[in-house]
Amino acid sequence: MKTKLADLKLKPWLLRELTGLGYETVEDLGHLSTADVLRIPGMGSYDWRKIAKVLGREPFKAED
């Protein structure tokens, strides 16, 4: 099942930024590394933790 970003109750400006970049579901962000996701303007740790939980990732672990 695909989780829509709007269902996560992210900050409105972050949701607008993500949809502007073409991301509609959490799975659309799955191919990005943690560092790349955190470089998205407006992405903070609180929002990243919500997304990481849905993706099944550890939010504080850097990837190689």
PDB file of N, CA and C in Angstrom:
ATOM      1  N   MET A   1       0.828  -1.182   0.000  1.00  0.00           N
ATOM      2  CA  MET A   1       0.000   0.000   0.000  1.00  0.00           C
ATOM      3  C   MET A   1       0.874   1.247   0.000  1.00  0.00           C
ATOM      4  N   LYS A   2       0.532   2.176  -0.828  1.00  0.00           N
ATOM      5  CA  LYS A   2       1.304   3.406  -0.913  1.00  0.00           C
ATOM      6  C   LYS A   2       0.738   4.441   0.053  1.00  0.00           C
ATOM      7  N   THR A   3       1.621   5.028   0.845  1.00  0.00           N
ATOM      8  CA  THR A   3       1.226   6.047   1.805  1.00  0.00           C
ATOM      9  C   THR A   3       1.421   7.418   1.177  1.00  0.00           C
ATOM     10  N   LYS A   4       0.364   8.181   1.099  1.00  0.00           N
ATOM     11  CA  LYS A   4       0.459   9.524   0.541  1.00  0.00           C
ATOM     12  C   LYS A   4       1.135  10.442   1.545  1.00  0.00           C
ATOM     13  N   LEU A   5       1.932  11.380   1.036  1.00  0.00           N
ATOM     14  CA  LEU A   5       2.619  12.323   1.906  1.00  0.00           C
ATOM     15  C   LEU A   5       1.628  13.179   2.689  1.00  0.00           C
ATOM     16  N   ALA A   6       0.491  13.497   2.091  1.00  0.00           N
ATOM     17  CA  ALA A   6      -0.518  14.315   2.768  1.00  0.00           C
ATOM     18  C   ALA A   6      -1.077  13.602   3.998  1.00  0.00           C
ATOM     19  N   ASP A   7      -1.070  12.271   4.000  1.00  0.00           N
ATOM     20  CA  ASP A   7      -1.588  11.513   5.138  1.00  0.00           C
ATOM     21  C   ASP A   7      -0.673  11.588   6.358  1.00  0.00           C
ATOM     22  N   LEU A   8       0.580  11.989   6.171  1.00  0.00           N
ATOM     23  CA  LEU A   8       1.531  12.065   7.281  1.00  0.00           C
ATOM     24  C   LEU A   8       1.424  13.362   8.068  1.00  0.00           C
ATOM     25  N   LYS A   9       0.611  14.281   7.598  1.00  0.00           N
ATOM     26  CA  LYS A   9       0.427  15.581   8.260  1.00  0.00           C
ATOM     27  C   LYS A   9       1.753  16.320   8.406  1.00  0.00           C
ATOM     28  N   LEU A  10       2.470  16.434   7.296  1.00  0.00           N
ATOM     29  CA  LEU A  10       3.713  17.192   7.263  1.00  0.00           C
ATOM     30  C   LEU A  10       3.388  18.677   7.263  1.00  0.00           C
ATOM     31  N   LYS A  11       4.413  19.479   7.483  1.00  0.00           N
ATOM     32  CA  LYS A  11       4.219  20.926   7.427  1.00  0.00           C
ATOM     33  C   LYS A  11       3.753  21.307   6.023  1.00  0.00           C
ATOM     34  N   PRO A  12       2.829  22.260   5.929  1.00  0.00           N
ATOM     35  CA  PRO A  12       2.266  22.612   4.612  1.00  0.00           C
ATOM     36  C   PRO A  12       3.314  23.044   3.593  1.00  0.00           C
ATOM     37  N   TRP A  13       4.309  23.810   4.020  1.00  0.00           N
ATOM     38  CA  TRP A  13       5.324  24.266   3.060  1.00  0.00           C
ATOM     39  C   TRP A  13       6.216  23.121   2.601  1.00  0.00           C
ATOM     40  N   LEU A  14       6.451  22.138   3.469  1.00  0.00           N
ATOM     41  CA  LEU A  14       7.234  20.971   3.059  1.00  0.00           C
ATOM     42  C   LEU A  14       6.432  20.110   2.089  1.00  0.00           C
ATOM     43  N   LEU A  15       5.165  19.927   2.374  1.00  0.00           N
ATOM     44  CA  LEU A  15       4.302  19.156   1.480  1.00  0.00           C
ATOM     45  C   LEU A  15       4.237  19.811   0.104  1.00  0.00           C
ATOM     46  N   ARG A  16       4.151  21.122   0.075  1.00  0.00           N
ATOM     47  CA  ARG A  16       4.130  21.858  -1.191  1.00  0.00           C
ATOM     48  C   ARG A  16       5.457  21.689  -1.937  1.00  0.00           C
ATOM     49  N   GLU A  17       6.563  21.734  -1.210  1.00  0.00           N
ATOM     50  CA  GLU A  17       7.886  21.545  -1.817  1.00  0.00           C
ATOM     51  C   GLU A  17       8.020  20.136  -2.400  1.00  0.00           C
ATOM     52  N   LEU A  18       7.604  19.130  -1.651  1.00  0.00           N
ATOM     53  CA  LEU A  18       7.723  17.744  -2.109  1.00  0.00           C
ATOM     54  C   LEU A  18       6.846  17.473  -3.326  1.00  0.00           C
ATOM     55  N   THR A  19       5.618  17.972  -3.308  1.00  0.00           N
ATOM     56  CA  THR A  19       4.754  17.759  -4.472  1.00  0.00           C
ATOM     57  C   THR A  19       5.267  18.546  -5.668  1.00  0.00           C
ATOM     58  N   GLY A  20       5.873  19.698  -5.423  1.00  0.00           N
ATOM     59  CA  GLY A  20       6.474  20.469  -6.508  1.00  0.00           C
ATOM     60  C   GLY A  20       7.649  19.744  -7.147  1.00  0.00           C
ATOM     61  N   LEU A  21       8.348  18.939  -6.353  1.00  0.00           N
ATOM     62  CA  LEU A  21       9.473  18.148  -6.863  1.00  0.00           C
ATOM     63  C   LEU A  21       9.017  16.832  -7.490  1.00  0.00           C
ATOM     64  N   GLY A  22       7.709  16.555  -7.413  1.00  0.00           N
ATOM     65  CA  GLY A  22       7.172  15.358  -8.056  1.00  0.00           C
ATOM     66  C   GLY A  22       6.967  14.168  -7.140  1.00  0.00           C
ATOM     67  N   TYR A  23       7.093  14.355  -5.838  1.00  0.00           N
ATOM     68  CA  TYR A  23       6.906  13.269  -4.882  1.00  0.00           C
ATOM     69  C   TYR A  23       5.481  13.317  -4.348  1.00  0.00           C
ATOM     70  N   GLU A  24       4.714  12.263  -4.584  1.00  0.00           N
ATOM     71  CA  GLU A  24       3.325  12.192  -4.122  1.00  0.00           C
ATOM     72  C   GLU A  24       3.155  11.195  -2.980  1.00  0.00           C
ATOM     73  N   THR A  25       3.971  10.139  -2.985  1.00  0.00           N
ATOM     74  CA  THR A  25       3.875   9.118  -1.944  1.00  0.00           C
ATOM     75  C   THR A  25       5.222   8.978  -1.241  1.00  0.00           C
ATOM     76  N   VAL A  26       5.195   8.350  -0.080  1.00  0.00           N
ATOM     77  CA  VAL A  26       6.428   8.120   0.670  1.00  0.00           C
ATOM     78  C   VAL A  26       7.365   7.216  -0.123  1.00  0.00           C
ATOM     79  N   GLU A  27       6.806   6.265  -0.836  1.00  0.00           N
ATOM     80  CA  GLU A  27       7.617   5.335  -1.614  1.00  0.00           C
ATOM     81  C   GLU A  27       8.387   6.047  -2.729  1.00  0.00           C
ATOM     82  N   ASP A  28       7.901   7.188  -3.179  1.00  0.00           N
ATOM     83  CA  ASP A  28       8.624   7.965  -4.187  1.00  0.00           C
ATOM     84  C   ASP A  28       9.968   8.455  -3.654  1.00  0.00           C
ATOM     85  N   LEU A  29      10.081   8.610  -2.343  1.00  0.00           N
ATOM     86  CA  LEU A  29      11.324   9.071  -1.717  1.00  0.00           C
ATOM     87  C   LEU A  29      12.267   7.913  -1.380  1.00  0.00           C
ATOM     88  N   GLY A  30      11.831   6.687  -1.590  1.00  0.00           N
ATOM     89  CA  GLY A  30      12.588   5.509  -1.183  1.00  0.00           C
ATOM     90  C   GLY A  30      13.954   5.374  -1.815  1.00  0.00           C
ATOM     91  N   HIS A  31      14.136   5.876  -3.018  1.00  0.00           N
ATOM     92  CA  HIS A  31      15.424   5.727  -3.696  1.00  0.00           C
ATOM     93  C   HIS A  31      16.452   6.764  -3.247  1.00  0.00           C
ATOM     94  N   LEU A  32      16.019   7.777  -2.515  1.00  0.00           N
ATOM     95  CA  LEU A  32      16.927   8.828  -2.056  1.00  0.00           C
ATOM     96  C   LEU A  32      17.646   8.400  -0.781  1.00  0.00           C
ATOM     97  N   SER A  33      18.886   8.835  -0.638  1.00  0.00           N
ATOM     98  CA  SER A  33      19.611   8.568   0.602  1.00  0.00           C
ATOM     99  C   SER A  33      19.092   9.509   1.688  1.00  0.00           C
ATOM    100  N   THR A  34      19.425   9.199   2.922  1.00  0.00           N
ATOM    101  CA  THR A  34      19.016  10.042   4.044  1.00  0.00           C
ATOM    102  C   THR A  34      19.539  11.457   3.864  1.00  0.00           C
ATOM    103  N   ALA A  35      20.781  11.589   3.446  1.00  0.00           N
ATOM    104  CA  ALA A  35      21.368  12.910   3.248  1.00  0.00           C
ATOM    105  C   ALA A  35      20.629  13.690   2.167  1.00  0.00           C
ATOM    106  N   ASP A  36      20.251  13.025   1.089  1.00  0.00           N
ATOM    107  CA  ASP A  36      19.525  13.706   0.015  1.00  0.00           C
ATOM    108  C   ASP A  36      18.147  14.173   0.475  1.00  0.00           C
ATOM    109  N   VAL A  37      17.475  13.353   1.263  1.00  0.00           N
ATOM    110  CA  VAL A  37      16.156  13.740   1.765  1.00  0.00           C
ATOM    111  C   VAL A  37      16.283  14.944   2.690  1.00  0.00           C
ATOM    112  N   LEU A  38      17.286  14.933   3.553  1.00  0.00           N
ATOM    113  CA  LEU A  38      17.452  16.040   4.495  1.00  0.00           C
ATOM    114  C   LEU A  38      17.916  17.325   3.817  1.00  0.00           C
ATOM    115  N   ARG A  39      18.385  17.244   2.588  1.00  0.00           N
ATOM    116  CA  ARG A  39      18.769  18.445   1.833  1.00  0.00           C
ATOM    117  C   ARG A  39      17.582  19.132   1.169  1.00  0.00           C
ATOM    118  N   ILE A  40      16.428  18.493   1.163  1.00  0.00           N
ATOM    119  CA  ILE A  40      15.237  19.099   0.568  1.00  0.00           C
ATOM    120  C   ILE A  40      14.853  20.300   1.422  1.00  0.00           C
ATOM    121  N   PRO A  41      14.664  21.463   0.812  1.00  0.00           N
ATOM    122  CA  PRO A  41      14.317  22.661   1.590  1.00  0.00           C
ATOM    123  C   PRO A  41      13.051  22.449   2.415  1.00  0.00           C
ATOM    124  N   GLY A  42      13.145  22.765   3.701  1.00  0.00           N
ATOM    125  CA  GLY A  42      12.006  22.631   4.597  1.00  0.00           C
ATOM    126  C   GLY A  42      11.944  21.317   5.343  1.00  0.00           C
ATOM    127  N   MET A  43      12.779  20.349   4.952  1.00  0.00           N
ATOM    128  CA  MET A  43      12.754  19.033   5.606  1.00  0.00           C
ATOM    129  C   MET A  43      13.504  19.120   6.931  1.00  0.00           C
ATOM    130  N   GLY A  44      12.805  18.891   8.006  1.00  0.00           N
ATOM    131  CA  GLY A  44      13.417  18.882   9.326  1.00  0.00           C
ATOM    132  C   GLY A  44      13.426  17.479   9.892  1.00  0.00           C
ATOM    133  N   SER A  45      14.039  17.340  11.046  1.00  0.00           N
ATOM    134  CA  SER A  45      14.176  16.004  11.622  1.00  0.00           C
ATOM    135  C   SER A  45      12.833  15.409  12.030  1.00  0.00           C
ATOM    136  N   TYR A  46      11.899  16.230  12.480  1.00  0.00           N
ATOM    137  CA  TYR A  46      10.586  15.718  12.887  1.00  0.00           C
ATOM    138  C   TYR A  46       9.861  15.107  11.693  1.00  0.00           C
ATOM    139  N   ASP A  47       9.867  15.811  10.564  1.00  0.00           N
ATOM    140  CA  ASP A  47       9.216  15.297   9.360  1.00  0.00           C
ATOM    141  C   ASP A  47       9.971  14.093   8.800  1.00  0.00           C
ATOM    142  N   TRP A  48      11.293  14.130   8.863  1.00  0.00           N
ATOM    143  CA  TRP A  48      12.084  13.007   8.365  1.00  0.00           C
ATOM    144  C   TRP A  48      11.800  11.744   9.173  1.00  0.00           C
ATOM    145  N   ARG A  49      11.644  11.874  10.482  1.00  0.00           N
ATOM    146  CA  ARG A  49      11.353  10.697  11.309  1.00  0.00           C
ATOM    147  C   ARG A  49      10.027  10.061  10.917  1.00  0.00           C
ATOM    148  N   LYS A  50       9.028  10.872  10.588  1.00  0.00           N
ATOM    149  CA  LYS A  50       7.735  10.336  10.133  1.00  0.00           C
ATOM    150  C   LYS A  50       7.905   9.551   8.833  1.00  0.00           C
ATOM    151  N   ILE A  51       8.650  10.130   7.894  1.00  0.00           N
ATOM    152  CA  ILE A  51       8.861   9.486   6.595  1.00  0.00           C
ATOM    153  C   ILE A  51       9.700   8.218   6.754  1.00  0.00           C
ATOM    154  N   ALA A  52      10.758   8.293   7.562  1.00  0.00           N
ATOM    155  CA  ALA A  52      11.637   7.137   7.767  1.00  0.00           C
ATOM    156  C   ALA A  52      10.883   5.971   8.398  1.00  0.00           C
ATOM    157  N   LYS A  53       9.972   6.270   9.298  1.00  0.00           N
ATOM    158  CA  LYS A  53       9.193   5.207   9.938  1.00  0.00           C
ATOM    159  C   LYS A  53       8.363   4.449   8.911  1.00  0.00           C
ATOM    160  N   VAL A  54       7.747   5.174   7.990  1.00  0.00           N
ATOM    161  CA  VAL A  54       6.935   4.525   6.956  1.00  0.00           C
ATOM    162  C   VAL A  54       7.819   3.731   5.998  1.00  0.00           C
ATOM    163  N   LEU A  55       9.001   4.263   5.693  1.00  0.00           N
ATOM    164  CA  LEU A  55       9.923   3.570   4.792  1.00  0.00           C
ATOM    165  C   LEU A  55      10.618   2.385   5.462  1.00  0.00           C
ATOM    166  N   GLY A  56      10.543   2.301   6.783  1.00  0.00           N
ATOM    167  CA  GLY A  56      11.211   1.221   7.501  1.00  0.00           C
ATOM    168  C   GLY A  56      12.691   1.468   7.677  1.00  0.00           C
ATOM    169  N   ARG A  57      13.090   2.719   7.654  1.00  0.00           N
ATOM    170  CA  ARG A  57      14.500   3.077   7.827  1.00  0.00           C
ATOM    171  C   ARG A  57      14.752   3.565   9.243  1.00  0.00           C
ATOM    172  N   GLU A  58      16.010   3.467   9.652  1.00  0.00           N
ATOM    173  CA  GLU A  58      16.447   4.051  10.911  1.00  0.00           C
ATOM    174  C   GLU A  58      16.729   5.527  10.629  1.00  0.00           C
ATOM    175  N   PRO A  59      16.001   6.453  11.266  1.00  0.00           N
ATOM    176  CA  PRO A  59      16.132   7.863  10.894  1.00  0.00           C
ATOM    177  C   PRO A  59      17.473   8.495  11.234  1.00  0.00           C
ATOM    178  N   PHE A  60      18.217   7.925  12.174  1.00  0.00           N
ATOM    179  CA  PHE A  60      19.456   8.561  12.601  1.00  0.00           C
ATOM    180  C   PHE A  60      20.702   7.863  12.086  1.00  0.00           C
ATOM    181  N   LYS A  61      20.539   6.821  11.285  1.00  0.00           N
ATOM    182  CA  LYS A  61      21.686   6.073  10.779  1.00  0.00           C
ATOM    183  C   LYS A  61      22.041   6.565   9.382  1.00  0.00           C
ATOM    184  N   ALA A  62      23.284   6.951   9.212  1.00  0.00           N
ATOM    185  CA  ALA A  62      23.758   7.372   7.894  1.00  0.00           C
ATOM    186  C   ALA A  62      24.014   6.137   7.039  1.00  0.00           C
ATOM    187  N   GLU A  63      23.743   6.270   5.753  1.00  0.00           N
ATOM    188  CA  GLU A  63      23.968   5.159   4.830  1.00  0.00           C
ATOM    189  C   GLU A  63      25.336   5.294   4.188  1.00  0.00           C
ATOM    190  N   ASP A  64      25.912   4.175   3.822  1.00  0.00           N
ATOM    191  CA  ASP A  64      27.233   4.192   3.170  1.00  0.00           C
ATOM    192  C   ASP A  64      27.118   4.554   1.721  1.00  0.00           C
TER     193      ASP A  64
END
